[in-house]
Amino acid sequence: MLLVACLAGEVSAASCLPPPRPFVPSDSQAARDYVDLIRSDFEIYMRDIQSYFRCLEVERARAFEEAREVSQDYGRFLELMDE
């Protein structure tokens, strides 16, 4: 069961991948030739970056909770060492 929990945490963290930045050609003619594609790439990026931010927030909350639990575990460990 512990292994499953660890793997789930790893999958959660690994799934927060930032989207690739849109490419903008330095050549103005190429930019005009591909204006629709470039515009679409930017729109997709803006949508995907919002998903990325949400993923990071979920991961942050998960990691914070894990750190709280580990802190409690450490406190119990220290109490055992005092016995």
C-alpha atoms as a PDB file:
ATOM      1  CA  MET A   1       0.000   0.000   0.000  1.00  0.00           C
ATOM      2  CA  LEU A   2       2.834   2.392   0.831  1.00  0.00           C
ATOM      3  CA  LEU A   3       4.392   1.755  -2.576  1.00  0.00           C
ATOM      4  CA  VAL A   4       1.128   2.649  -4.294  1.00  0.00           C
ATOM      5  CA  ALA A   5       0.927   5.914  -2.340  1.00  0.00           C
ATOM      6  CA  CYS A   6       4.516   6.773  -3.249  1.00  0.00           C
ATOM      7  CA  LEU A   7       3.971   6.005  -6.916  1.00  0.00           C
ATOM      8  CA  ALA A   8       0.781   8.068  -6.980  1.00  0.00           C
ATOM      9  CA  GLY A   9       2.725  11.021  -5.573  1.00  0.00           C
ATOM     10  CA  GLU A  10       5.428  10.624  -8.166  1.00  0.00           C
ATOM     11  CA  VAL A  11       2.914  10.453 -10.987  1.00  0.00           C
ATOM     12  CA  SER A  12       1.228  13.588  -9.674  1.00  0.00           C
ATOM     13  CA  ALA A  13       4.485  15.535  -9.580  1.00  0.00           C
ATOM     14  CA  ALA A  14       5.654  14.164 -12.912  1.00  0.00           C
ATOM     15  CA  SER A  15       2.413  15.116 -14.641  1.00  0.00           C
ATOM     16  CA  CYS A  16       3.024  18.841 -14.020  1.00  0.00           C
ATOM     17  CA  LEU A  17       4.939  19.474 -17.198  1.00  0.00           C
ATOM     18  CA  PRO A  18       5.065  23.009 -18.547  1.00  0.00           C
ATOM     19  CA  PRO A  19       3.824  23.464 -22.087  1.00  0.00           C
ATOM     20  CA  PRO A  20       6.371  24.292 -24.760  1.00  0.00           C
ATOM     21  CA  ARG A  21       6.747  27.947 -25.628  1.00  0.00           C
ATOM     22  CA  PRO A  22       5.239  28.912 -28.965  1.00  0.00           C
ATOM     23  CA  PHE A  23       7.749  29.492 -31.735  1.00  0.00           C
ATOM     24  CA  VAL A  24       7.733  32.872 -33.435  1.00  0.00           C
ATOM     25  CA  PRO A  25       9.850  33.125 -36.565  1.00  0.00           C
ATOM     26  CA  SER A  26      12.199  36.091 -36.758  1.00  0.00           C
ATOM     27  CA  ASP A  27      11.358  36.496 -40.434  1.00  0.00           C
ATOM     28  CA  SER A  28       8.277  38.720 -40.789  1.00  0.00           C
ATOM     29  CA  GLN A  29       7.247  37.044 -44.049  1.00  0.00           C
ATOM     30  CA  ALA A  30       7.303  33.615 -42.418  1.00  0.00           C
ATOM     31  CA  ALA A  31       5.256  35.036 -39.531  1.00  0.00           C
ATOM     32  CA  ARG A  32       2.683  36.346 -42.007  1.00  0.00           C
ATOM     33  CA  ASP A  33       2.675  33.057 -43.920  1.00  0.00           C
ATOM     34  CA  TYR A  34       1.959  31.071 -40.744  1.00  0.00           C
ATOM     35  CA  VAL A  35      -0.096  33.641 -38.821  1.00  0.00           C
ATOM     36  CA  ASP A  36      -3.006  31.264 -38.191  1.00  0.00           C
ATOM     37  CA  LEU A  37      -0.749  28.458 -36.984  1.00  0.00           C
ATOM     38  CA  ILE A  38       1.262  30.791 -34.741  1.00  0.00           C
ATOM     39  CA  ARG A  39      -1.904  32.341 -33.303  1.00  0.00           C
ATOM     40  CA  SER A  40      -3.247  28.862 -32.605  1.00  0.00           C
ATOM     41  CA  ASP A  41       0.016  27.866 -30.899  1.00  0.00           C
ATOM     42  CA  PHE A  42      -0.271  30.895 -28.590  1.00  0.00           C
ATOM     43  CA  GLU A  43      -3.896  30.131 -27.759  1.00  0.00           C
ATOM     44  CA  ILE A  44      -3.019  26.517 -26.972  1.00  0.00           C
ATOM     45  CA  TYR A  45      -0.104  27.685 -24.830  1.00  0.00           C
ATOM     46  CA  MET A  46      -2.331  30.052 -22.830  1.00  0.00           C
ATOM     47  CA  ARG A  47      -4.844  27.265 -22.227  1.00  0.00           C
ATOM     48  CA  ASP A  48      -2.154  24.747 -21.286  1.00  0.00           C
ATOM     49  CA  ILE A  49      -0.238  27.104 -18.987  1.00  0.00           C
ATOM     50  CA  GLN A  50      -3.415  27.563 -16.945  1.00  0.00           C
ATOM     51  CA  SER A  51      -3.677  23.772 -16.571  1.00  0.00           C
ATOM     52  CA  TYR A  52      -0.016  23.698 -15.586  1.00  0.00           C
ATOM     53  CA  PHE A  53      -0.579  26.328 -12.886  1.00  0.00           C
ATOM     54  CA  ARG A  54      -3.521  24.324 -11.515  1.00  0.00           C
ATOM     55  CA  CYS A  55      -1.394  21.181 -11.479  1.00  0.00           C
ATOM     56  CA  LEU A  56       1.357  22.981  -9.565  1.00  0.00           C
ATOM     57  CA  GLU A  57      -1.164  24.180  -6.984  1.00  0.00           C
ATOM     58  CA  VAL A  58      -2.475  20.642  -6.478  1.00  0.00           C
ATOM     59  CA  GLU A  59       1.079  19.324  -6.163  1.00  0.00           C
ATOM     60  CA  ARG A  60       1.982  22.099  -3.719  1.00  0.00           C
ATOM     61  CA  ALA A  61      -1.012  21.209  -1.518  1.00  0.00           C
ATOM     62  CA  ARG A  62      -0.109  17.509  -1.654  1.00  0.00           C
ATOM     63  CA  ALA A  63       3.534  18.172  -0.768  1.00  0.00           C
ATOM     64  CA  PHE A  64       2.544  20.502   2.078  1.00  0.00           C
ATOM     65  CA  GLU A  65       0.264  17.820   3.547  1.00  0.00           C
ATOM     66  CA  GLU A  66       3.005  15.215   3.161  1.00  0.00           C
ATOM     67  CA  ALA A  67       5.491  17.479   4.936  1.00  0.00           C
ATOM     68  CA  ARG A  68       3.016  17.969   7.788  1.00  0.00           C
ATOM     69  CA  GLU A  69       2.582  14.202   8.121  1.00  0.00           C
ATOM     70  CA  VAL A  70       6.333  13.600   8.017  1.00  0.00           C
ATOM     71  CA  SER A  71       6.813  16.238  10.708  1.00  0.00           C
ATOM     72  CA  GLN A  72       4.307  14.417  12.902  1.00  0.00           C
ATOM     73  CA  ASP A  73       6.054  11.100  12.191  1.00  0.00           C
ATOM     74  CA  TYR A  74       9.349  12.658  13.224  1.00  0.00           C
ATOM     75  CA  GLY A  75       7.811  13.936  16.449  1.00  0.00           C
ATOM     76  CA  ARG A  76       6.576  10.426  17.263  1.00  0.00           C
ATOM     77  CA  PHE A  77      10.023   9.034  16.442  1.00  0.00           C
ATOM     78  CA  LEU A  78      11.677  11.518  18.812  1.00  0.00           C
ATOM     79  CA  GLU A  79       9.218  10.561  21.540  1.00  0.00           C
ATOM     80  CA  LEU A  80      10.158   6.899  21.061  1.00  0.00           C
ATOM     81  CA  MET A  81      13.825   7.767  21.421  1.00  0.00           C
ATOM     82  CA  ASP A  82      13.129   9.512  24.744  1.00  0.00           C
ATOM     83  CA  GLU A  83      11.588   6.361  26.258  1.00  0.00           C
END
